[in-house]
Amino acid sequence: MRQFLVLAHDGPTDPDFSLEDLPGAGRLDVLCRCVTSALLLSHGIREDTRVRLVLGNSCSIRFEGSELRRLNPDERSTAALIRGALEEYEEAIGHVDAESSPGVFVSRRGIVEVLEEMESRGSRENTLVTLHEEATPATDLDPPTDPIFVLSDHRNFTAEESELLAEKGDERVRLSPQKLHANHAITVAHNYLDTAGFERY
């Protein structure tokens, strides 16, 4: 299982946004590209992949590749799935998810709770990998087993986030000598594992 956690610092926590202005909705366009990069193949979905968006450190939206329906390559339809999840936010009680559409779930979780939940849903061999432009090159490391990739949106990690990830024992990895957009980093991460002979995925 591959898992991706995207920390959305400006992402909307309210469904009252326009699908015609995704950049103006807390750079929702960036988040939509991250979701599709993580889950879509040319003619299918990566069923072995799970994506989490943490919005405002209070709302979490989970996409399960094995259960998803109606995920398309365009940003607008992905944004519509996110808006649908936010519309169900009030139905999420405590840390219990509410399902807004097949494979899309919303809950009242911040980064701490999401990391705990992702670790519990994974395997004992989960590797927490923070994708960071100032880290060890991926080519110098063995490909991770059951990775949980953590990345930030268009903003840098906060000091508190970096400290929390360090406390969790994260492994910092750089995927390119160049600065990459978050969605491009996800694509490179997939390719890194796809070409490493990890047939069990």
Protein backbone atom coordinates (compact mmCIF):
# COMPACT_ATOMS: atom_id res chain seq x y z
CA MET A 1 0.00 0.00 0.00
CA ARG A 2 1.21 3.46 -0.91
CA GLN A 3 -0.14 6.37 1.07
CA PHE A 4 0.18 10.09 0.45
CA LEU A 5 -0.54 12.79 3.01
CA VAL A 6 -0.81 16.33 1.68
CA LEU A 7 -0.84 19.15 4.21
CA ALA A 8 -3.06 21.90 2.84
CA HIS A 9 -2.34 25.11 4.71
CA ASP A 10 -4.82 27.32 2.87
CA GLY A 11 -7.28 24.70 1.62
CA PRO A 12 -10.99 25.35 2.16
CA THR A 13 -12.80 23.75 5.09
CA ASP A 14 -16.16 25.05 3.91
CA PRO A 15 -17.94 23.84 0.75
CA ASP A 16 -18.95 27.38 -0.20
CA PHE A 17 -16.39 27.90 -2.96
CA SER A 18 -16.66 28.28 -6.71
CA LEU A 19 -15.61 25.48 -9.03
CA GLU A 20 -14.74 28.22 -11.51
CA ASP A 21 -11.96 29.67 -9.32
CA LEU A 22 -10.00 26.85 -7.73
CA PRO A 23 -6.78 28.86 -7.21
CA GLY A 24 -8.85 31.40 -5.29
CA ALA A 25 -10.22 28.66 -3.04
CA GLY A 26 -7.05 28.25 -1.01
CA ARG A 27 -5.11 26.85 -4.00
CA LEU A 28 -7.53 23.98 -4.33
CA ASP A 29 -6.15 23.48 -7.83
CA VAL A 30 -2.88 22.26 -6.28
CA LEU A 31 -4.73 19.76 -4.09
CA CYS A 32 -6.77 18.45 -7.01
CA ARG A 33 -3.63 17.83 -9.04
CA CYS A 34 -2.11 15.99 -6.09
CA VAL A 35 -5.13 13.69 -5.83
CA THR A 36 -5.19 12.83 -9.53
CA SER A 37 -1.40 12.40 -9.72
CA ALA A 38 -1.53 9.96 -6.82
CA LEU A 39 -4.50 7.91 -7.99
CA LEU A 40 -4.90 8.01 -11.75
CA LEU A 41 -3.21 5.88 -14.37
CA SER A 42 -3.67 6.33 -18.11
CA HIS A 43 -6.74 4.09 -18.21
CA GLY A 44 -7.43 3.27 -14.60
CA ILE A 45 -6.93 3.95 -10.91
CA ARG A 46 -4.11 2.90 -8.61
CA GLU A 47 -6.15 0.65 -6.35
CA ASP A 48 -3.15 0.15 -4.04
CA THR A 49 -2.99 3.85 -3.16
CA ARG A 50 -4.61 6.00 -0.48
CA VAL A 51 -4.53 9.81 -0.36
CA ARG A 52 -5.22 12.08 2.60
CA LEU A 53 -5.72 15.83 2.47
CA VAL A 54 -5.51 17.68 5.77
CA LEU A 55 -7.27 21.02 5.51
CA GLY A 56 -6.59 23.65 8.16
CA ASN A 57 -5.35 20.98 10.56
CA SER A 58 -8.96 20.23 11.46
CA CYS A 59 -10.53 18.45 8.50
CA SER A 60 -9.30 15.34 6.71
CA ILE A 61 -10.47 13.99 3.36
CA ARG A 62 -9.48 10.44 2.45
CA PHE A 63 -9.48 8.93 -1.05
CA GLU A 64 -9.36 5.12 -1.26
CA GLY A 65 -8.09 3.97 -4.64
CA SER A 66 -9.71 0.55 -4.30
CA GLU A 67 -13.18 2.07 -3.79
CA LEU A 68 -13.15 5.26 -5.85
CA ARG A 69 -15.70 6.07 -8.52
CA ARG A 70 -16.08 9.14 -10.73
CA LEU A 71 -12.51 10.40 -10.34
CA ASN A 72 -11.52 12.10 -13.59
CA PRO A 73 -8.31 13.82 -14.70
CA ASP A 74 -9.75 17.35 -14.71
CA GLU A 75 -9.36 19.55 -11.64
CA ARG A 76 -12.99 20.68 -11.63
CA SER A 77 -14.49 17.23 -11.12
CA THR A 78 -11.94 16.43 -8.41
CA ALA A 79 -12.81 19.71 -6.71
CA ALA A 80 -16.46 18.67 -6.87
CA LEU A 81 -15.60 15.47 -4.96
CA ILE A 82 -13.79 17.55 -2.34
CA ARG A 83 -16.73 19.92 -2.07
CA GLY A 84 -19.06 16.97 -1.68
CA ALA A 85 -16.89 15.69 1.17
CA LEU A 86 -16.93 19.07 2.90
CA GLU A 87 -20.72 19.12 2.62
CA GLU A 88 -20.75 15.93 4.73
CA TYR A 89 -18.35 17.31 7.35
CA GLU A 90 -21.11 17.87 9.91
CA GLU A 91 -22.01 14.16 9.63
CA ALA A 92 -18.53 13.14 10.76
CA ILE A 93 -18.69 12.47 14.50
CA GLY A 94 -15.43 12.57 16.40
CA HIS A 95 -12.88 10.64 14.38
CA VAL A 96 -15.53 8.54 12.62
CA ASP A 97 -15.47 9.10 8.84
CA ALA A 98 -18.49 10.12 6.83
CA GLU A 99 -18.56 8.79 3.25
CA SER A 100 -19.60 11.44 0.74
CA SER A 101 -19.24 9.31 -2.41
CA PRO A 102 -17.71 5.91 -3.17
CA GLY A 103 -14.14 5.94 -1.89
CA VAL A 104 -14.23 9.50 -0.53
CA PHE A 105 -14.42 10.06 3.22
CA VAL A 106 -14.30 13.10 5.51
CA SER A 107 -13.46 13.27 9.21
CA ARG A 108 -12.59 15.70 11.98
CA ARG A 109 -8.88 14.97 12.13
CA GLY A 110 -5.77 17.11 12.17
CA ILE A 111 -2.26 16.02 11.22
CA VAL A 112 -1.57 14.18 14.49
CA GLU A 113 -4.73 12.07 14.28
CA VAL A 114 -4.32 11.48 10.56
CA LEU A 115 -0.77 10.15 10.96
CA GLU A 116 -1.95 7.79 13.69
CA GLU A 117 -4.84 6.62 11.52
CA MET A 118 -2.64 6.12 8.44
CA GLU A 119 -0.15 4.09 10.44
CA SER A 120 -2.92 1.90 11.85
CA ARG A 121 -4.41 1.31 8.40
CA GLY A 122 -1.05 0.38 6.93
CA SER A 123 1.26 -2.47 7.80
CA ARG A 124 3.91 -2.94 10.45
CA GLU A 125 6.47 -2.08 7.82
CA ASN A 126 5.16 1.43 7.17
CA THR A 127 7.92 3.92 6.39
CA LEU A 128 7.13 7.57 7.04
CA VAL A 129 8.81 9.54 4.24
CA THR A 130 8.80 13.32 4.20
CA LEU A 131 9.36 14.68 0.71
CA HIS A 132 11.57 17.73 1.13
CA GLU A 133 13.82 19.67 -1.19
CA GLU A 134 16.61 19.71 1.41
CA ALA A 135 17.07 16.02 2.18
CA THR A 136 18.89 12.86 1.16
CA PRO A 137 18.51 12.04 -2.56
CA ALA A 138 16.15 9.12 -3.12
CA THR A 139 18.73 7.46 -5.34
CA ASP A 140 21.00 7.08 -2.30
CA LEU A 141 18.37 5.12 -0.36
CA ASP A 142 16.64 1.78 -0.68
CA PRO A 143 13.03 2.15 -1.86
CA PRO A 144 10.74 2.28 1.19
CA THR A 145 8.35 -0.50 2.13
CA ASP A 146 4.69 0.47 2.50
CA PRO A 147 5.56 4.17 2.36
CA ILE A 148 3.53 7.00 3.83
CA PHE A 149 4.72 9.99 1.81
CA VAL A 150 4.14 13.36 3.48
CA LEU A 151 4.33 16.55 1.49
CA SER A 152 3.22 20.13 1.76
CA ASP A 153 1.09 22.06 -0.70
CA HIS A 154 2.44 25.31 -2.22
CA ARG A 155 3.76 26.37 1.18
CA ASN A 156 6.70 25.04 3.19
CA PHE A 157 6.23 22.80 6.21
CA THR A 158 5.76 24.79 9.40
CA ALA A 159 8.27 24.37 12.22
CA GLU A 160 5.61 22.51 14.22
CA GLU A 161 4.91 20.11 11.36
CA SER A 162 8.61 19.38 10.82
CA GLU A 163 9.06 18.77 14.54
CA LEU A 164 6.09 16.40 14.67
CA LEU A 165 7.34 14.40 11.68
CA ALA A 166 10.79 14.17 13.24
CA GLU A 167 9.24 12.87 16.46
CA LYS A 168 7.47 10.23 14.37
CA GLY A 169 10.84 9.12 13.01
CA ASP A 170 10.35 10.28 9.46
CA GLU A 171 12.92 9.70 6.75
CA ARG A 172 13.54 12.84 4.70
CA VAL A 173 13.93 12.22 0.99
CA ARG A 174 14.63 14.49 -1.98
CA LEU A 175 13.31 13.28 -5.33
CA SER A 176 15.06 15.73 -7.61
CA PRO A 177 17.88 18.27 -7.55
CA GLN A 178 15.24 20.72 -8.79
CA LYS A 179 12.29 22.13 -6.85
CA LEU A 180 9.16 20.22 -7.84
CA HIS A 181 5.49 21.04 -7.61
CA ALA A 182 3.73 18.81 -5.10
CA ASN A 183 1.81 16.86 -7.76
CA HIS A 184 4.99 16.34 -9.78
CA ALA A 185 6.74 15.02 -6.68
CA ILE A 186 3.95 12.46 -6.28
CA THR A 187 4.39 11.33 -9.89
CA VAL A 188 8.16 10.96 -9.40
CA ALA A 189 7.61 9.03 -6.17
CA HIS A 190 5.32 6.60 -7.95
CA ASN A 191 7.83 6.15 -10.76
CA TYR A 192 10.62 5.62 -8.24
CA LEU A 193 8.70 2.70 -6.71
CA ASP A 194 7.26 1.41 -10.00
CA THR A 195 10.72 1.00 -11.47
CA ALA A 196 12.28 -0.44 -8.33
CA GLY A 197 10.74 -3.84 -8.93
CA PHE A 198 8.21 -3.59 -6.12
CA GLU A 199 5.85 -6.07 -7.74
CA ARG A 200 3.89 -6.59 -4.53
CA TYR A 201 2.27 -3.19 -5.03
